[in-house]
Amino acid sequence: MAEIHDGFICAHPDDEVIGAGGQFSALESPFFVCVTDGAPRHVPEREAYARTRREEFKHALTVAGYGPERMRMLGFIDQEVALDLLALVKAVGEVVSELKPSLV
């Protein structure tokens, strides 16, 4: 993988586009990390819903010109990440340590 300069971390699939989509062209060698799978526990067919959100995340970034190698989903259950902040900090820390972006 090419050097990572910019890391964008969002809570849910689609937050990357809503939060920074207009700035994508200014990002140099970005990597996108989505914390949750985008599916709350209470939705019917949660796994299918999470899979759909994952595909939407990949598709939106592919349309913007970024391949799947520039994306990662940490897979926390939507609306429950606050219940395990230690695991969140560890997971985000591992990604940042691995990628070593100059800006997050």
N, C-alpha and C. Protein backbone atom coordinates (compact mmCIF):
# COMPACT_ATOMS: atom_id res chain seq x y z
N MET A 1 0.84 -1.17 0.00
CA MET A 1 0.00 0.00 0.00
C MET A 1 0.89 1.24 0.00
N ALA A 2 0.44 2.26 -0.70
CA ALA A 2 1.16 3.53 -0.73
C ALA A 2 1.15 4.16 0.65
N GLU A 3 2.04 5.07 0.84
CA GLU A 3 2.13 5.77 2.12
C GLU A 3 0.80 6.45 2.45
N ILE A 4 0.42 6.39 3.70
CA ILE A 4 -0.82 7.01 4.17
C ILE A 4 -0.47 8.37 4.76
N HIS A 5 -1.08 9.40 4.24
CA HIS A 5 -0.85 10.73 4.79
C HIS A 5 -2.02 11.20 5.64
N ASP A 6 -3.22 10.90 5.20
CA ASP A 6 -4.42 11.37 5.87
C ASP A 6 -5.27 10.18 6.30
N GLY A 7 -5.68 10.18 7.57
CA GLY A 7 -6.58 9.15 8.05
C GLY A 7 -7.90 9.79 8.42
N PHE A 8 -8.99 9.23 7.94
CA PHE A 8 -10.31 9.74 8.26
C PHE A 8 -11.04 8.67 9.03
N ILE A 9 -11.45 8.97 10.26
CA ILE A 9 -12.16 8.01 11.10
C ILE A 9 -13.58 8.51 11.30
N CYS A 10 -14.54 7.66 10.99
CA CYS A 10 -15.94 8.04 11.16
C CYS A 10 -16.67 6.98 11.98
N ALA A 11 -17.81 7.34 12.50
CA ALA A 11 -18.58 6.42 13.33
C ALA A 11 -19.37 5.41 12.51
N HIS A 12 -20.04 5.87 11.47
CA HIS A 12 -20.96 5.03 10.70
C HIS A 12 -20.66 5.10 9.22
N PRO A 13 -20.99 4.06 8.48
CA PRO A 13 -20.90 4.16 7.03
C PRO A 13 -21.78 5.31 6.56
N ASP A 14 -21.30 6.14 5.76
CA ASP A 14 -21.86 7.34 5.14
C ASP A 14 -21.36 8.61 5.83
N ASP A 15 -20.87 8.50 7.04
CA ASP A 15 -20.33 9.68 7.72
C ASP A 15 -19.10 10.24 7.00
N GLU A 16 -18.34 9.36 6.33
CA GLU A 16 -17.16 9.83 5.63
C GLU A 16 -17.55 10.77 4.50
N VAL A 17 -18.63 10.47 3.81
CA VAL A 17 -19.08 11.31 2.70
C VAL A 17 -19.78 12.56 3.24
N ILE A 18 -20.65 12.38 4.21
CA ILE A 18 -21.37 13.52 4.78
C ILE A 18 -20.40 14.48 5.47
N GLY A 19 -19.44 13.93 6.21
CA GLY A 19 -18.52 14.76 6.98
C GLY A 19 -17.39 15.38 6.20
N ALA A 20 -16.92 14.71 5.16
CA ALA A 20 -15.73 15.22 4.48
C ALA A 20 -15.74 15.02 2.97
N GLY A 21 -16.85 14.57 2.41
CA GLY A 21 -16.90 14.28 0.98
C GLY A 21 -16.43 15.43 0.12
N GLY A 22 -16.77 16.64 0.50
CA GLY A 22 -16.35 17.81 -0.27
C GLY A 22 -14.87 18.10 -0.17
N GLN A 23 -14.19 17.45 0.76
CA GLN A 23 -12.76 17.67 0.97
C GLN A 23 -11.90 16.54 0.42
N PHE A 24 -12.50 15.50 -0.13
CA PHE A 24 -11.74 14.35 -0.58
C PHE A 24 -10.62 14.74 -1.54
N SER A 25 -10.88 15.67 -2.43
CA SER A 25 -9.85 16.03 -3.42
C SER A 25 -8.64 16.69 -2.76
N ALA A 26 -8.80 17.21 -1.57
CA ALA A 26 -7.68 17.85 -0.87
C ALA A 26 -6.88 16.86 -0.02
N LEU A 27 -7.39 15.64 0.13
CA LEU A 27 -6.71 14.64 0.95
C LEU A 27 -5.60 13.98 0.15
N GLU A 28 -4.44 13.88 0.75
CA GLU A 28 -3.31 13.22 0.10
C GLU A 28 -3.16 11.82 0.66
N SER A 29 -3.30 10.82 -0.18
CA SER A 29 -3.15 9.42 0.21
C SER A 29 -3.98 9.07 1.44
N PRO A 30 -5.31 9.22 1.35
CA PRO A 30 -6.15 8.98 2.53
C PRO A 30 -6.44 7.51 2.79
N PHE A 31 -6.81 7.25 4.03
CA PHE A 31 -7.30 5.95 4.46
C PHE A 31 -8.56 6.21 5.27
N PHE A 32 -9.59 5.40 5.09
CA PHE A 32 -10.88 5.61 5.73
C PHE A 32 -11.19 4.47 6.69
N VAL A 33 -11.47 4.82 7.93
CA VAL A 33 -11.80 3.84 8.95
C VAL A 33 -13.20 4.14 9.45
N CYS A 34 -14.06 3.13 9.42
CA CYS A 34 -15.41 3.26 9.93
C CYS A 34 -15.49 2.43 11.21
N VAL A 35 -15.87 3.05 12.30
CA VAL A 35 -15.86 2.39 13.61
C VAL A 35 -16.95 1.33 13.73
N THR A 36 -18.17 1.63 13.31
CA THR A 36 -19.27 0.68 13.50
C THR A 36 -19.61 -0.02 12.19
N ASP A 37 -20.43 -1.04 12.31
CA ASP A 37 -20.91 -1.72 11.12
C ASP A 37 -22.17 -1.05 10.57
N GLY A 38 -22.63 0.00 11.24
CA GLY A 38 -23.79 0.75 10.77
C GLY A 38 -25.13 0.12 11.06
N ALA A 39 -25.13 -0.98 11.80
CA ALA A 39 -26.38 -1.70 12.07
C ALA A 39 -26.63 -1.81 13.56
N PRO A 40 -27.65 -1.12 14.07
CA PRO A 40 -28.01 -1.28 15.48
C PRO A 40 -28.48 -2.72 15.75
N ARG A 41 -28.35 -3.15 16.96
CA ARG A 41 -28.71 -4.51 17.35
C ARG A 41 -30.20 -4.81 17.11
N HIS A 42 -31.05 -3.81 17.29
CA HIS A 42 -32.50 -4.04 17.24
C HIS A 42 -33.11 -4.10 15.85
N VAL A 43 -32.36 -3.83 14.79
CA VAL A 43 -32.97 -3.85 13.45
C VAL A 43 -33.19 -5.30 13.00
N PRO A 44 -34.28 -5.53 12.29
CA PRO A 44 -34.52 -6.88 11.76
C PRO A 44 -33.41 -7.26 10.79
N GLU A 45 -33.03 -8.50 10.79
CA GLU A 45 -31.98 -9.00 9.89
C GLU A 45 -30.71 -8.15 9.98
N ARG A 46 -30.24 -7.98 11.20
CA ARG A 46 -29.11 -7.11 11.48
C ARG A 46 -27.89 -7.42 10.63
N GLU A 47 -27.54 -8.67 10.47
CA GLU A 47 -26.34 -9.03 9.69
C GLU A 47 -26.47 -8.60 8.23
N ALA A 48 -27.64 -8.78 7.66
CA ALA A 48 -27.86 -8.36 6.27
C ALA A 48 -27.78 -6.84 6.17
N TYR A 49 -28.33 -6.16 7.16
CA TYR A 49 -28.29 -4.70 7.18
C TYR A 49 -26.84 -4.21 7.29
N ALA A 50 -26.06 -4.84 8.15
CA ALA A 50 -24.64 -4.48 8.31
C ALA A 50 -23.88 -4.73 7.01
N ARG A 51 -24.17 -5.83 6.35
CA ARG A 51 -23.51 -6.14 5.08
C ARG A 51 -23.84 -5.08 4.02
N THR A 52 -25.10 -4.65 3.99
CA THR A 52 -25.51 -3.60 3.05
C THR A 52 -24.78 -2.31 3.35
N ARG A 53 -24.69 -1.94 4.61
CA ARG A 53 -23.98 -0.70 4.98
C ARG A 53 -22.51 -0.79 4.61
N ARG A 54 -21.90 -1.96 4.79
CA ARG A 54 -20.49 -2.17 4.43
C ARG A 54 -20.29 -1.98 2.92
N GLU A 55 -21.20 -2.55 2.14
CA GLU A 55 -21.11 -2.42 0.68
C GLU A 55 -21.32 -0.97 0.25
N GLU A 56 -22.23 -0.26 0.91
CA GLU A 56 -22.44 1.16 0.59
C GLU A 56 -21.18 1.98 0.88
N PHE A 57 -20.53 1.68 1.99
CA PHE A 57 -19.27 2.35 2.36
C PHE A 57 -18.24 2.14 1.26
N LYS A 58 -18.07 0.90 0.85
CA LYS A 58 -17.10 0.58 -0.19
C LYS A 58 -17.47 1.23 -1.52
N HIS A 59 -18.74 1.18 -1.86
CA HIS A 59 -19.18 1.75 -3.14
C HIS A 59 -18.98 3.26 -3.18
N ALA A 60 -19.37 3.96 -2.12
CA ALA A 60 -19.23 5.42 -2.09
C ALA A 60 -17.77 5.82 -2.25
N LEU A 61 -16.87 5.13 -1.57
CA LEU A 61 -15.46 5.49 -1.67
C LEU A 61 -14.87 5.05 -3.00
N THR A 62 -15.37 3.97 -3.58
CA THR A 62 -14.91 3.56 -4.90
C THR A 62 -15.31 4.60 -5.94
N VAL A 63 -16.54 5.10 -5.85
CA VAL A 63 -16.99 6.16 -6.76
C VAL A 63 -16.12 7.39 -6.61
N ALA A 64 -15.66 7.66 -5.39
CA ALA A 64 -14.79 8.81 -5.14
C ALA A 64 -13.34 8.56 -5.58
N GLY A 65 -13.06 7.34 -6.02
CA GLY A 65 -11.73 7.03 -6.55
C GLY A 65 -10.80 6.30 -5.60
N TYR A 66 -11.34 5.76 -4.50
CA TYR A 66 -10.51 5.05 -3.53
C TYR A 66 -10.89 3.57 -3.53
N GLY A 67 -9.91 2.72 -3.67
CA GLY A 67 -10.15 1.29 -3.69
C GLY A 67 -10.35 0.72 -2.30
N PRO A 68 -10.80 -0.54 -2.22
CA PRO A 68 -11.06 -1.17 -0.93
C PRO A 68 -9.82 -1.28 -0.04
N GLU A 69 -8.64 -1.24 -0.63
CA GLU A 69 -7.41 -1.28 0.18
C GLU A 69 -7.24 -0.02 1.03
N ARG A 70 -8.02 1.00 0.77
CA ARG A 70 -7.96 2.26 1.52
C ARG A 70 -9.07 2.35 2.56
N MET A 71 -9.76 1.24 2.82
CA MET A 71 -10.92 1.25 3.71
C MET A 71 -10.81 0.15 4.76
N ARG A 72 -11.30 0.45 5.93
CA ARG A 72 -11.38 -0.56 6.98
C ARG A 72 -12.60 -0.27 7.85
N MET A 73 -13.31 -1.32 8.21
CA MET A 73 -14.41 -1.20 9.16
C MET A 73 -14.02 -1.97 10.42
N LEU A 74 -14.15 -1.32 11.56
CA LEU A 74 -13.77 -1.96 12.82
C LEU A 74 -14.84 -2.91 13.32
N GLY A 75 -16.09 -2.75 12.85
CA GLY A 75 -17.14 -3.73 13.12
C GLY A 75 -17.87 -3.63 14.45
N PHE A 76 -17.72 -2.53 15.17
CA PHE A 76 -18.49 -2.37 16.41
C PHE A 76 -19.98 -2.27 16.06
N ILE A 77 -20.84 -2.75 16.94
CA ILE A 77 -22.28 -2.65 16.72
C ILE A 77 -22.70 -1.20 16.88
N ASP A 78 -23.45 -0.71 15.89
CA ASP A 78 -23.91 0.66 15.91
C ASP A 78 -24.73 0.94 17.18
N GLN A 79 -24.50 2.07 17.77
CA GLN A 79 -25.16 2.56 18.98
C GLN A 79 -24.69 1.85 20.25
N GLU A 80 -23.66 0.99 20.15
CA GLU A 80 -23.17 0.30 21.35
C GLU A 80 -21.69 0.53 21.61
N VAL A 81 -21.03 1.27 20.75
CA VAL A 81 -19.58 1.46 20.91
C VAL A 81 -19.24 2.16 22.22
N ALA A 82 -20.12 3.01 22.71
CA ALA A 82 -19.86 3.72 23.96
C ALA A 82 -19.84 2.77 25.16
N LEU A 83 -20.33 1.56 24.98
CA LEU A 83 -20.34 0.58 26.06
C LEU A 83 -18.99 -0.08 26.25
N ASP A 84 -18.09 0.10 25.31
CA ASP A 84 -16.76 -0.51 25.41
C ASP A 84 -15.70 0.44 24.84
N LEU A 85 -15.53 1.56 25.51
CA LEU A 85 -14.59 2.56 25.02
C LEU A 85 -13.15 2.08 25.03
N LEU A 86 -12.80 1.19 25.94
CA LEU A 86 -11.45 0.66 25.96
C LEU A 86 -11.15 -0.11 24.67
N ALA A 87 -12.09 -0.94 24.23
CA ALA A 87 -11.91 -1.68 22.98
C ALA A 87 -11.83 -0.73 21.79
N LEU A 88 -12.63 0.34 21.82
CA LEU A 88 -12.59 1.33 20.75
C LEU A 88 -11.23 2.01 20.68
N VAL A 89 -10.73 2.46 21.81
CA VAL A 89 -9.42 3.13 21.84
C VAL A 89 -8.33 2.18 21.35
N LYS A 90 -8.40 0.94 21.79
CA LYS A 90 -7.40 -0.05 21.35
C LYS A 90 -7.47 -0.27 19.84
N ALA A 91 -8.67 -0.45 19.31
CA ALA A 91 -8.83 -0.71 17.87
C ALA A 91 -8.36 0.47 17.03
N VAL A 92 -8.74 1.68 17.42
CA VAL A 92 -8.31 2.87 16.68
C VAL A 92 -6.81 3.05 16.82
N GLY A 93 -6.28 2.82 18.01
CA GLY A 93 -4.84 2.93 18.22
C GLY A 93 -4.05 1.96 17.36
N GLU A 94 -4.55 0.75 17.20
CA GLU A 94 -3.88 -0.24 16.35
C GLU A 94 -3.84 0.21 14.90
N VAL A 95 -4.95 0.76 14.41
CA VAL A 95 -4.99 1.23 13.02
C VAL A 95 -4.03 2.40 12.83
N VAL A 96 -4.05 3.34 13.75
CA VAL A 96 -3.16 4.50 13.64
C VAL A 96 -1.70 4.06 13.74
N SER A 97 -1.39 3.15 14.62
CA SER A 97 -0.01 2.64 14.74
C SER A 97 0.43 1.91 13.48
N GLU A 98 -0.47 1.17 12.88
CA GLU A 98 -0.14 0.43 11.66
C GLU A 98 0.06 1.36 10.48
N LEU A 99 -0.84 2.32 10.30
CA LEU A 99 -0.82 3.16 9.12
C LEU A 99 0.07 4.40 9.23
N LYS A 100 0.25 4.88 10.46
CA LYS A 100 1.08 6.05 10.73
C LYS A 100 0.73 7.26 9.86
N PRO A 101 -0.56 7.66 9.88
CA PRO A 101 -0.92 8.83 9.09
C PRO A 101 -0.34 10.10 9.72
N SER A 102 -0.09 11.11 8.90
CA SER A 102 0.42 12.37 9.43
C SER A 102 -0.71 13.25 9.93
N LEU A 103 -1.94 12.95 9.53
CA LEU A 103 -3.11 13.73 9.92
C LEU A 103 -4.30 12.79 10.08
N VAL A 104 -5.03 12.92 11.19
CA VAL A 104 -6.24 12.13 11.40
C VAL A 104 -7.37 13.10 11.68
